[in-house]
Amino acid sequence: MREKIILIGAGSAMFTGALVTDIVRRGWECELGLVDMDPDALAVAEGLTKKVIAAGKAPISVSASTDRREVLPGATVVITTIAVGGRMS
């Protein structure tokens, strides 16, 4: 079965990048959905995610949305990440 992994709070490029790198290194074939309420942070994380996947030539498809309801249907794994206190400048 192909996994559908959803990352809620994916706007943290460092955490998301590290997690995607781990998925790529393990050779997992999956669908990856990124969700964050900050569209700018989400765009950065999505771009980084696509670069990591391309560099690893991994069989991973990516979707991204600020609305979790768009990517959650069919999810087999949901990972939530939060930053207490908001973003630091």
C-alpha atoms as a PDB file:
ATOM      1  CA  MET A   1       0.000   0.000   0.000  1.00  0.00           C
ATOM      2  CA  ARG A   2       1.264   3.450  -0.909  1.00  0.00           C
ATOM      3  CA  GLU A   3       1.321   5.703   2.149  1.00  0.00           C
ATOM      4  CA  LYS A   4      -0.192   9.171   2.152  1.00  0.00           C
ATOM      5  CA  ILE A   5       1.692  11.218   4.729  1.00  0.00           C
ATOM      6  CA  ILE A   6       0.322  14.596   5.798  1.00  0.00           C
ATOM      7  CA  LEU A   7       2.484  17.157   7.619  1.00  0.00           C
ATOM      8  CA  ILE A   8       0.368  19.727   9.444  1.00  0.00           C
ATOM      9  CA  GLY A   9       2.523  22.687  10.415  1.00  0.00           C
ATOM     10  CA  ALA A  10       4.867  22.054   7.486  1.00  0.00           C
ATOM     11  CA  GLY A  11       5.883  25.725   7.255  1.00  0.00           C
ATOM     12  CA  SER A  12       8.929  25.040   9.387  1.00  0.00           C
ATOM     13  CA  ALA A  13      11.375  24.519   6.543  1.00  0.00           C
ATOM     14  CA  MET A  14      14.050  23.085   8.867  1.00  0.00           C
ATOM     15  CA  PHE A  15      11.817  20.398  10.387  1.00  0.00           C
ATOM     16  CA  THR A  16      10.027  19.625   7.133  1.00  0.00           C
ATOM     17  CA  GLY A  17      13.280  19.514   5.192  1.00  0.00           C
ATOM     18  CA  ALA A  18      14.838  17.106   7.689  1.00  0.00           C
ATOM     19  CA  LEU A  19      11.776  14.864   7.716  1.00  0.00           C
ATOM     20  CA  VAL A  20      11.553  14.761   3.913  1.00  0.00           C
ATOM     21  CA  THR A  21      15.276  14.007   3.712  1.00  0.00           C
ATOM     22  CA  ASP A  22      14.741  11.034   6.050  1.00  0.00           C
ATOM     23  CA  ILE A  23      11.819   9.780   3.932  1.00  0.00           C
ATOM     24  CA  VAL A  24      13.887  10.086   0.743  1.00  0.00           C
ATOM     25  CA  ARG A  25      16.904   8.321   2.279  1.00  0.00           C
ATOM     26  CA  ARG A  26      14.730   5.404   3.330  1.00  0.00           C
ATOM     27  CA  GLY A  27      13.464   5.014  -0.221  1.00  0.00           C
ATOM     28  CA  TRP A  28       9.795   5.282   0.696  1.00  0.00           C
ATOM     29  CA  GLU A  29       7.326   5.649  -2.128  1.00  0.00           C
ATOM     30  CA  CYS A  30       4.532   7.882  -0.896  1.00  0.00           C
ATOM     31  CA  GLU A  31       2.287  10.833  -1.401  1.00  0.00           C
ATOM     32  CA  LEU A  32       3.199  13.775   0.798  1.00  0.00           C
ATOM     33  CA  GLY A  33       0.743  16.519   1.742  1.00  0.00           C
ATOM     34  CA  LEU A  34       2.026  19.733   3.323  1.00  0.00           C
ATOM     35  CA  VAL A  35      -0.269  21.992   5.344  1.00  0.00           C
ATOM     36  CA  ASP A  36       0.452  25.315   7.028  1.00  0.00           C
ATOM     37  CA  MET A  37      -1.684  28.342   7.825  1.00  0.00           C
ATOM     38  CA  ASP A  38       1.068  30.712   6.637  1.00  0.00           C
ATOM     39  CA  PRO A  39       1.044  30.638   2.810  1.00  0.00           C
ATOM     40  CA  ASP A  40       4.517  32.190   2.521  1.00  0.00           C
ATOM     41  CA  ALA A  41       6.108  29.666   4.894  1.00  0.00           C
ATOM     42  CA  LEU A  42       4.235  26.867   3.125  1.00  0.00           C
ATOM     43  CA  ALA A  43       5.568  27.976  -0.267  1.00  0.00           C
ATOM     44  CA  VAL A  44       9.148  27.914   1.050  1.00  0.00           C
ATOM     45  CA  ALA A  45       8.665  24.459   2.593  1.00  0.00           C
ATOM     46  CA  GLU A  46       7.032  23.146  -0.586  1.00  0.00           C
ATOM     47  CA  GLY A  47       9.906  24.418  -2.741  1.00  0.00           C
ATOM     48  CA  LEU A  48      12.496  22.890  -0.438  1.00  0.00           C
ATOM     49  CA  THR A  49      10.564  19.604  -0.318  1.00  0.00           C
ATOM     50  CA  LYS A  50      10.436  19.377  -4.110  1.00  0.00           C
ATOM     51  CA  LYS A  51      14.189  20.073  -4.360  1.00  0.00           C
ATOM     52  CA  VAL A  52      15.022  17.343  -1.827  1.00  0.00           C
ATOM     53  CA  ILE A  53      12.777  14.854  -3.640  1.00  0.00           C
ATOM     54  CA  ALA A  54      14.250  15.744  -7.043  1.00  0.00           C
ATOM     55  CA  ALA A  55      17.823  15.495  -5.740  1.00  0.00           C
ATOM     56  CA  GLY A  56      17.086  12.049  -4.321  1.00  0.00           C
ATOM     57  CA  LYS A  57      15.137  10.969  -7.420  1.00  0.00           C
ATOM     58  CA  ALA A  58      12.493   9.710  -5.007  1.00  0.00           C
ATOM     59  CA  PRO A  59       9.067   8.351  -6.038  1.00  0.00           C
ATOM     60  CA  ILE A  60       7.225  10.898  -3.904  1.00  0.00           C
ATOM     61  CA  SER A  61       4.412  13.174  -5.038  1.00  0.00           C
ATOM     62  CA  VAL A  62       3.761  16.438  -3.198  1.00  0.00           C
ATOM     63  CA  SER A  63       0.713  18.594  -2.625  1.00  0.00           C
ATOM     64  CA  ALA A  64       0.433  21.662  -0.421  1.00  0.00           C
ATOM     65  CA  SER A  65      -2.453  23.664   0.967  1.00  0.00           C
ATOM     66  CA  THR A  66      -3.340  26.129   3.697  1.00  0.00           C
ATOM     67  CA  ASP A  67      -6.588  24.138   4.148  1.00  0.00           C
ATOM     68  CA  ARG A  68      -6.003  20.733   5.737  1.00  0.00           C
ATOM     69  CA  ARG A  69      -9.359  19.495   4.433  1.00  0.00           C
ATOM     70  CA  GLU A  70      -7.945  19.556   0.900  1.00  0.00           C
ATOM     71  CA  VAL A  71      -5.135  17.097   1.629  1.00  0.00           C
ATOM     72  CA  LEU A  72      -6.399  14.933   4.511  1.00  0.00           C
ATOM     73  CA  PRO A  73      -8.740  12.564   2.585  1.00  0.00           C
ATOM     74  CA  GLY A  74      -7.049   9.186   2.226  1.00  0.00           C
ATOM     75  CA  ALA A  75      -4.262   9.982   4.701  1.00  0.00           C
ATOM     76  CA  THR A  76      -2.586   6.950   6.238  1.00  0.00           C
ATOM     77  CA  VAL A  77      -0.255   8.999   8.459  1.00  0.00           C
ATOM     78  CA  VAL A  78      -0.760  12.480   9.938  1.00  0.00           C
ATOM     79  CA  ILE A  79       2.114  14.280  11.651  1.00  0.00           C
ATOM     80  CA  THR A  80       1.464  17.543  13.440  1.00  0.00           C
ATOM     81  CA  THR A  81       4.191  20.002  14.333  1.00  0.00           C
ATOM     82  CA  ILE A  82       3.841  23.242  16.237  1.00  0.00           C
ATOM     83  CA  ALA A  83       6.109  26.021  17.354  1.00  0.00           C
ATOM     84  CA  VAL A  84       5.214  27.276  20.792  1.00  0.00           C
ATOM     85  CA  GLY A  85       5.388  31.062  20.937  1.00  0.00           C
ATOM     86  CA  GLY A  86       5.293  31.623  17.177  1.00  0.00           C
ATOM     87  CA  ARG A  87       8.101  32.328  14.750  1.00  0.00           C
ATOM     88  CA  MET A  88      11.257  34.099  15.809  1.00  0.00           C
ATOM     89  CA  SER A  89      12.558  36.899  13.613  1.00  0.00           C
END
